[in-house]
C-alpha cells in the first residue's frame, strides 16, 4: 500500500472512515478537505451487489446532473448534413465524418464525449479498439448513438455524466467540485445515486447497493448512510 501523506493522515483523523453518516453532514465534512491549491473534483462511488460477468447485471447509463460537474466537456460528433449543422448549433466542439475517423486513427483524442448518428456507425465501428478501452465508443444504450444529436450535445455540455460498473461491481462518477455550494453538491449526489438505484437489474437478489462513499481528488472517502 502506498504511504499516505501527512495531509491525508490528518484528514483521516477528522472522522471514522468505517462509520456511515448522513449525506448533508458528509458533504459538510468533505468541504473542509479543500486544503489544496486547486479546486478538487468530487466523486461518488457505489459498491453494487451484482455479478459483472453476467450480461444481464451490467449497470451503465448517463444522467444529467442539475448543477453540472464544474467543467465543460469537449464533445465530438460524427454526423453529416443537417445533423452536422444541428450538432454545431448545439455547441459540439468537433463535427465530422471520415475526416474525424482518420484523425482518431492517427492518435488524436482531444475530446471527452463521442456521439454519432446511426448512419455513421459504419465509420465509427472500426474505431472501437481505440475508443472502447477509453470509454468513448458511441453506444445506443448510453444514448450516444442517436438522431437527436442537438439535445444530446446540449445535455453533455450542461453536465451529463456517463457511468458503467467496473470488473468488481463498482460504479463511480464525478459529481462536481469542492467549491460548489453544499446544497448543489448534495443535489447532484442524490440525483446520481437515485438514478443508479433505478437501474437495478431484475436478476439481482437482496440488497442492490452495498455501500456509497464520496471523496475529493486528494481526500479519503466518506461513507454515506444508505
Protein backbone atom coordinates (compact mmCIF):
# COMPACT_ATOMS: atom_id res chain seq x y z
CA UNK A 1 0.00 0.00 0.00
CA UNK A 2 1.28 3.47 -0.89
CA UNK A 3 2.38 5.61 2.01
CA UNK A 4 -0.21 8.26 2.86
CA UNK A 5 0.85 11.89 3.02
CA UNK A 6 0.84 13.83 6.29
CA UNK A 7 -2.09 15.90 4.98
CA UNK A 8 -4.08 12.77 4.10
CA UNK A 9 -3.46 11.20 7.53
CA UNK A 10 -4.56 14.43 9.21
CA UNK A 11 -7.85 14.35 7.27
CA UNK A 12 -8.46 10.75 8.36
CA UNK A 13 -8.28 11.87 11.99
CA UNK A 14 -11.32 14.12 11.47
CA UNK A 15 -13.79 11.22 11.18
CA UNK A 16 -14.29 7.46 11.41
CA UNK A 17 -13.98 6.15 7.82
CA UNK A 18 -15.90 2.99 8.77
CA UNK A 19 -18.89 4.87 10.16
CA UNK A 20 -21.55 5.91 7.59
CA UNK A 21 -23.05 9.37 8.02
CA UNK A 22 -25.91 11.45 6.71
CA UNK A 23 -25.26 12.83 3.21
CA UNK A 24 -25.52 16.51 4.19
CA UNK A 25 -23.11 16.06 7.11
CA UNK A 26 -20.74 14.09 4.87
CA UNK A 27 -20.69 16.91 2.30
CA UNK A 28 -20.07 19.49 5.05
CA UNK A 29 -17.10 17.41 6.21
CA UNK A 30 -15.82 16.89 2.67
CA UNK A 31 -15.82 20.63 2.01
CA UNK A 32 -13.44 21.02 4.98
CA UNK A 33 -10.93 18.99 2.95
CA UNK A 34 -10.46 21.86 0.46
CA UNK A 35 -6.89 22.50 1.57
CA UNK A 36 -5.14 22.19 -1.79
CA UNK A 37 -4.18 24.91 -4.22
CA UNK A 38 -6.63 23.68 -6.85
CA UNK A 39 -10.37 23.08 -6.90
CA UNK A 40 -10.70 19.35 -6.30
CA UNK A 41 -13.30 17.26 -8.11
CA UNK A 42 -15.91 15.44 -6.02
CA UNK A 43 -16.62 11.82 -6.84
CA UNK A 44 -19.28 9.37 -5.68
CA UNK A 45 -18.59 5.63 -5.63
CA UNK A 46 -21.24 2.93 -5.22
CA UNK A 47 -20.48 -0.72 -4.48
CA UNK A 48 -23.23 -2.82 -6.05
CA UNK A 49 -24.41 -6.36 -5.34
CA UNK A 50 -24.00 -7.51 -8.94
CA UNK A 51 -22.02 -10.13 -10.84
CA UNK A 52 -20.18 -8.11 -13.52
CA UNK A 53 -19.60 -11.31 -15.50
CA UNK A 54 -23.33 -11.61 -16.20
CA UNK A 55 -24.55 -9.57 -19.19
CA UNK A 56 -27.95 -9.01 -17.58
CA UNK A 57 -26.33 -7.46 -14.49
CA UNK A 58 -24.28 -4.76 -16.19
CA UNK A 59 -25.20 -1.35 -14.79
CA UNK A 60 -24.50 1.53 -17.14
CA UNK A 61 -26.15 4.74 -18.24
CA UNK A 62 -25.93 8.51 -18.27
CA UNK A 63 -27.63 11.19 -16.22
CA UNK A 64 -27.78 14.98 -16.36
CA UNK A 65 -26.72 16.47 -13.04
CA UNK A 66 -28.75 19.56 -12.07
CA UNK A 67 -25.68 21.71 -11.34
CA UNK A 68 -23.16 20.28 -13.82
CA UNK A 69 -19.73 18.98 -12.86
CA UNK A 70 -17.75 22.21 -12.83
CA UNK A 71 -16.11 21.85 -16.21
CA UNK A 72 -17.21 21.83 -19.82
CA UNK A 73 -16.85 18.57 -21.70
CA UNK A 74 -15.34 18.54 -25.17
CA UNK A 75 -17.89 16.88 -27.44
CA UNK A 76 -17.03 15.13 -30.70
CA UNK A 77 -19.88 14.29 -33.10
CA UNK A 78 -19.93 12.02 -36.15
CA UNK A 79 -22.66 13.36 -38.42
CA UNK A 80 -23.30 14.70 -41.91
CA UNK A 81 -25.58 17.28 -43.50
CA UNK A 82 -28.38 18.73 -41.38
CA UNK A 83 -27.39 16.64 -38.36
CA UNK A 84 -23.86 18.02 -38.52
CA UNK A 85 -25.29 21.55 -38.57
CA UNK A 86 -27.56 20.66 -35.64
CA UNK A 87 -24.57 19.42 -33.64
CA UNK A 88 -22.59 22.61 -34.31
CA UNK A 89 -25.53 24.81 -33.32
CA UNK A 90 -25.89 22.86 -30.07
CA UNK A 91 -22.25 23.59 -29.17
CA UNK A 92 -20.33 20.49 -30.31
CA UNK A 93 -16.59 21.11 -30.33
CA UNK A 94 -15.74 18.80 -33.23
CA UNK A 95 -18.07 17.63 -36.02
CA UNK A 96 -17.17 15.46 -38.99
CA UNK A 97 -17.22 12.00 -40.53
CA UNK A 98 -14.38 10.24 -42.38
CA UNK A 99 -12.06 13.15 -41.57
CA UNK A 100 -12.62 12.71 -37.82
CA UNK A 101 -12.12 8.95 -38.10
CA UNK A 102 -8.77 9.46 -39.78
CA UNK A 103 -7.65 11.94 -37.10
CA UNK A 104 -8.53 9.45 -34.36
CA UNK A 105 -6.68 6.65 -36.17
CA UNK A 106 -3.65 8.94 -36.26
CA UNK A 107 -3.78 9.35 -32.46
CA UNK A 108 -5.93 12.44 -31.92
CA UNK A 109 -8.10 12.07 -28.77
CA UNK A 110 -8.74 15.66 -27.70
CA UNK A 111 -12.36 15.11 -26.56
CA UNK A 112 -14.34 13.77 -23.60
CA UNK A 113 -17.53 12.51 -25.26
CA UNK A 114 -18.17 10.93 -28.66
CA UNK A 115 -21.65 10.98 -30.23
CA UNK A 116 -22.73 9.55 -33.58
CA UNK A 117 -25.84 9.33 -35.72
CA UNK A 118 -26.79 5.72 -36.59
CA UNK A 119 -25.77 6.11 -40.25
CA UNK A 120 -22.23 6.99 -39.13
CA UNK A 121 -21.61 3.73 -37.25
CA UNK A 122 -20.05 2.11 -40.33
CA UNK A 123 -17.33 4.74 -39.99
CA UNK A 124 -17.20 4.73 -36.17
CA UNK A 125 -17.36 0.93 -35.74
CA UNK A 126 -13.74 0.26 -36.81
CA UNK A 127 -12.61 2.78 -34.17
CA UNK A 128 -13.87 0.51 -31.39
CA UNK A 129 -10.41 -0.81 -30.49
CA UNK A 130 -9.28 2.80 -29.94
CA UNK A 131 -12.39 4.35 -28.38
CA UNK A 132 -13.64 1.32 -26.45
CA UNK A 133 -10.82 0.99 -23.89
CA UNK A 134 -11.17 4.71 -23.13
CA UNK A 135 -14.93 4.50 -22.60
CA UNK A 136 -15.57 6.77 -25.60
CA UNK A 137 -17.26 4.40 -28.04
CA UNK A 138 -20.74 5.67 -29.01
CA UNK A 139 -23.48 3.32 -27.84
CA UNK A 140 -27.28 3.23 -28.26
CA UNK A 141 -27.61 2.07 -24.66
CA UNK A 142 -25.66 5.08 -23.40
CA UNK A 143 -27.68 7.38 -25.66
CA UNK A 144 -24.65 8.45 -27.68
CA UNK A 145 -25.84 6.82 -30.91
CA UNK A 146 -28.83 8.97 -31.76
CA UNK A 147 -30.54 11.10 -34.38
CA UNK A 148 -31.34 13.67 -31.68
CA UNK A 149 -27.77 14.96 -31.67
CA UNK A 150 -28.66 18.54 -30.73
CA UNK A 151 -30.37 17.54 -27.49
CA UNK A 152 -27.63 15.08 -26.50
CA UNK A 153 -24.83 17.59 -27.19
CA UNK A 154 -26.62 20.18 -25.03
CA UNK A 155 -27.04 17.64 -22.21
CA UNK A 156 -23.34 16.80 -22.13
CA UNK A 157 -22.43 20.48 -22.25
CA UNK A 158 -24.80 21.08 -19.33
CA UNK A 159 -23.27 18.39 -17.11
CA UNK A 160 -24.31 14.93 -18.23
CA UNK A 161 -22.16 12.11 -16.87
CA UNK A 162 -21.76 8.56 -18.15
CA UNK A 163 -21.00 5.56 -15.98
CA UNK A 164 -20.58 1.80 -16.19
CA UNK A 165 -19.78 -0.74 -13.48
CA UNK A 166 -16.19 -1.94 -13.35
CA UNK A 167 -14.99 -5.53 -13.04
CA UNK A 168 -15.51 -5.51 -9.26
CA UNK A 169 -19.10 -4.24 -9.34
CA UNK A 170 -18.37 -0.60 -8.50
CA UNK A 171 -19.90 2.44 -10.21
CA UNK A 172 -18.28 5.85 -9.83
CA UNK A 173 -18.58 9.31 -11.36
CA UNK A 174 -17.50 12.91 -10.89
CA UNK A 175 -20.43 14.90 -9.47
CA UNK A 176 -18.99 18.40 -9.04
CA UNK A 177 -16.24 20.48 -7.47
CA UNK A 178 -15.39 21.18 -3.82
CA UNK A 179 -16.07 24.86 -4.49
CA UNK A 180 -19.75 24.08 -5.17
CA UNK A 181 -22.25 25.16 -2.52
CA UNK A 182 -23.14 22.33 -0.16
CA UNK A 183 -26.75 22.17 -1.36
CA UNK A 184 -25.67 21.88 -5.00
CA UNK A 185 -23.30 19.00 -4.22
CA UNK A 186 -25.99 17.25 -2.18
CA UNK A 187 -28.50 17.58 -5.02
CA UNK A 188 -26.01 16.32 -7.63
CA UNK A 189 -25.07 13.31 -5.49
CA UNK A 190 -28.71 12.45 -4.75
CA UNK A 191 -29.58 12.69 -8.44
CA UNK A 192 -26.77 10.30 -9.36
CA UNK A 193 -27.47 7.80 -6.58
CA UNK A 194 -31.22 7.75 -7.23
CA UNK A 195 -30.65 7.15 -10.93
CA UNK A 196 -28.23 4.27 -10.35
CA UNK A 197 -30.70 2.71 -7.91
CA UNK A 198 -33.42 2.90 -10.57
CA UNK A 199 -31.27 0.68 -12.83
CA UNK A 200 -31.39 -2.34 -10.50
CA UNK A 201 -31.22 -5.49 -12.69
CA UNK A 202 -34.19 -7.83 -12.22
CA UNK A 203 -31.87 -10.78 -11.63
CA UNK A 204 -30.22 -9.18 -8.57
CA UNK A 205 -31.37 -10.72 -5.27
CA UNK A 206 -31.24 -8.98 -1.91
CA UNK A 207 -29.78 -5.53 -1.29
CA UNK A 208 -28.71 -3.84 -4.54
CA UNK A 209 -26.43 -1.11 -3.15
CA UNK A 210 -23.87 -2.38 -0.62
CA UNK A 211 -22.31 0.97 0.25
CA UNK A 212 -21.80 4.50 -1.02
CA UNK A 213 -18.91 6.86 -0.42
CA UNK A 214 -17.92 10.34 -1.54
CA UNK A 215 -14.44 11.74 -1.86
CA UNK A 216 -12.46 14.58 -3.38
CA UNK A 217 -9.44 14.27 -5.68
CA UNK A 218 -7.00 14.25 -2.74
CA UNK A 219 -9.13 13.14 0.20
CA UNK A 220 -10.19 9.96 1.97
CA UNK A 221 -13.61 8.51 1.15
CA UNK A 222 -16.54 9.25 3.46
CA UNK A 223 -19.19 6.55 3.72
CA UNK A 224 -22.80 7.60 3.25
CA UNK A 225 -25.66 6.06 5.22
CA UNK A 226 -27.94 4.11 2.86
